[in-house]
Amino acid sequence: MLPGAARQSIRRGPKRLCLGRALLHEEEHPLPLKTRATLTRQVEVAVRALHPYDVPPIIRIEATANADDLSWVAAVTQAL
């Protein structure tokens, strides 16, 4: 589990063709994470440290949720 992330769901993604340093064929696995706004930097640092790409595709989306979900995220990330 990544530090600061309340939920992690690895999903099988599409094949990817990378035209960066070399031509590669690989499979991507998107990893949506839920966390508190105050922990987004900590989660990003952890993703960068673990990700094999030089520039990992990190997309931050601010969202609203129901009160139960927000409470759950706050509870499971409280110790961080």
C-alpha atoms as a PDB file:
ATOM      1  CA  MET A   1       0.000   0.000   0.000  1.00  0.00           C
ATOM      2  CA  LEU A   2       1.253   3.466  -0.807  1.00  0.00           C
ATOM      3  CA  PRO A   3       1.735   5.820   2.134  1.00  0.00           C
ATOM      4  CA  GLY A   4      -1.186   8.206   2.427  1.00  0.00           C
ATOM      5  CA  ALA A   5      -3.486   6.331   0.051  1.00  0.00           C
ATOM      6  CA  ALA A   6      -6.803   5.138   1.414  1.00  0.00           C
ATOM      7  CA  ARG A   7      -7.816   3.057  -1.577  1.00  0.00           C
ATOM      8  CA  GLN A   8      -5.844   1.490  -4.365  1.00  0.00           C
ATOM      9  CA  SER A   9      -7.410  -0.413  -7.242  1.00  0.00           C
ATOM     10  CA  ILE A  10      -5.066  -1.627  -9.926  1.00  0.00           C
ATOM     11  CA  ARG A  11      -6.955  -2.033 -13.170  1.00  0.00           C
ATOM     12  CA  ARG A  12      -5.769  -3.843 -16.244  1.00  0.00           C
ATOM     13  CA  GLY A  13      -5.261  -1.207 -18.873  1.00  0.00           C
ATOM     14  CA  PRO A  14      -4.724  -0.994 -22.599  1.00  0.00           C
ATOM     15  CA  LYS A  15      -1.519  -1.784 -24.410  1.00  0.00           C
ATOM     16  CA  ARG A  16       0.770   1.222 -24.621  1.00  0.00           C
ATOM     17  CA  LEU A  17       3.265   2.228 -27.257  1.00  0.00           C
ATOM     18  CA  CYS A  18       5.998   4.463 -25.870  1.00  0.00           C
ATOM     19  CA  LEU A  19       7.966   6.652 -28.263  1.00  0.00           C
ATOM     20  CA  GLY A  20      10.248   8.147 -25.631  1.00  0.00           C
ATOM     21  CA  ARG A  21      13.738   6.686 -25.454  1.00  0.00           C
ATOM     22  CA  ALA A  22      12.799   3.496 -27.255  1.00  0.00           C
ATOM     23  CA  LEU A  23       9.870   1.873 -28.949  1.00  0.00           C
ATOM     24  CA  LEU A  24       8.157  -0.302 -26.360  1.00  0.00           C
ATOM     25  CA  HIS A  25       5.041  -2.349 -26.116  1.00  0.00           C
ATOM     26  CA  GLU A  26       3.808  -2.829 -22.604  1.00  0.00           C
ATOM     27  CA  GLU A  27       0.621  -3.038 -20.652  1.00  0.00           C
ATOM     28  CA  GLU A  28      -0.492  -0.196 -18.415  1.00  0.00           C
ATOM     29  CA  HIS A  29      -2.260  -0.646 -15.103  1.00  0.00           C
ATOM     30  CA  PRO A  30      -4.020   2.554 -13.999  1.00  0.00           C
ATOM     31  CA  LEU A  31      -4.007   2.968 -10.227  1.00  0.00           C
ATOM     32  CA  PRO A  32      -6.695   5.348  -8.945  1.00  0.00           C
ATOM     33  CA  LEU A  33      -6.002   6.430  -5.368  1.00  0.00           C
ATOM     34  CA  LYS A  34      -8.121   8.165  -2.758  1.00  0.00           C
ATOM     35  CA  THR A  35      -6.471  10.347  -0.151  1.00  0.00           C
ATOM     36  CA  ARG A  36      -6.886  13.587   1.766  1.00  0.00           C
ATOM     37  CA  ALA A  37      -5.844  16.826   0.095  1.00  0.00           C
ATOM     38  CA  THR A  38      -3.172  17.307   2.766  1.00  0.00           C
ATOM     39  CA  LEU A  39      -1.523  14.002   1.768  1.00  0.00           C
ATOM     40  CA  THR A  40      -1.424  14.416  -2.017  1.00  0.00           C
ATOM     41  CA  ARG A  41       2.239  15.466  -2.041  1.00  0.00           C
ATOM     42  CA  GLN A  42       3.239  12.506   0.158  1.00  0.00           C
ATOM     43  CA  VAL A  43       1.392  10.083  -2.146  1.00  0.00           C
ATOM     44  CA  GLU A  44       2.984  11.653  -5.233  1.00  0.00           C
ATOM     45  CA  VAL A  45       6.472  11.265  -3.742  1.00  0.00           C
ATOM     46  CA  ALA A  46       5.766   7.583  -3.025  1.00  0.00           C
ATOM     47  CA  VAL A  47       4.457   6.978  -6.558  1.00  0.00           C
ATOM     48  CA  ARG A  48       7.513   8.651  -8.111  1.00  0.00           C
ATOM     49  CA  ALA A  49       9.846   6.553  -5.946  1.00  0.00           C
ATOM     50  CA  LEU A  50       8.165   3.280  -6.930  1.00  0.00           C
ATOM     51  CA  HIS A  51       7.238   3.925 -10.558  1.00  0.00           C
ATOM     52  CA  PRO A  52       9.532   2.594 -13.303  1.00  0.00           C
ATOM     53  CA  TYR A  53       8.993   5.590 -15.648  1.00  0.00           C
ATOM     54  CA  ASP A  54      11.244   8.659 -15.467  1.00  0.00           C
ATOM     55  CA  VAL A  55       8.092  10.775 -15.556  1.00  0.00           C
ATOM     56  CA  PRO A  56       5.156   8.787 -14.172  1.00  0.00           C
ATOM     57  CA  PRO A  57       1.728   9.909 -15.392  1.00  0.00           C
ATOM     58  CA  ILE A  58       0.270  11.368 -12.197  1.00  0.00           C
ATOM     59  CA  ILE A  59      -3.106  13.031 -12.651  1.00  0.00           C
ATOM     60  CA  ARG A  60      -4.666  14.738  -9.642  1.00  0.00           C
ATOM     61  CA  ILE A  61      -8.449  15.180  -9.667  1.00  0.00           C
ATOM     62  CA  GLU A  62     -10.253  16.985  -6.878  1.00  0.00           C
ATOM     63  CA  ALA A  63     -13.659  15.462  -6.256  1.00  0.00           C
ATOM     64  CA  THR A  64     -16.520  15.533  -3.833  1.00  0.00           C
ATOM     65  CA  ALA A  65     -17.979  12.410  -2.245  1.00  0.00           C
ATOM     66  CA  ASN A  66     -20.686  11.391   0.155  1.00  0.00           C
ATOM     67  CA  ALA A  67     -20.083  11.921   3.865  1.00  0.00           C
ATOM     68  CA  ASP A  68     -19.537   8.208   4.587  1.00  0.00           C
ATOM     69  CA  ASP A  69     -16.806   7.932   1.959  1.00  0.00           C
ATOM     70  CA  LEU A  70     -15.080  11.108   3.147  1.00  0.00           C
ATOM     71  CA  SER A  71     -15.187   9.869   6.734  1.00  0.00           C
ATOM     72  CA  TRP A  72     -13.712   6.524   5.704  1.00  0.00           C
ATOM     73  CA  VAL A  73     -10.840   8.157   3.800  1.00  0.00           C
ATOM     74  CA  ALA A  74     -10.112  10.429   6.763  1.00  0.00           C
ATOM     75  CA  ALA A  75     -10.193   7.481   9.186  1.00  0.00           C
ATOM     76  CA  VAL A  76      -7.862   5.185   7.248  1.00  0.00           C
ATOM     77  CA  THR A  77      -5.343   7.955   6.547  1.00  0.00           C
ATOM     78  CA  GLN A  78      -5.500   9.577  10.003  1.00  0.00           C
ATOM     79  CA  ALA A  79      -2.299   7.984  11.325  1.00  0.00           C
ATOM     80  CA  LEU A  80      -0.208   9.391   8.479  1.00  0.00           C
END
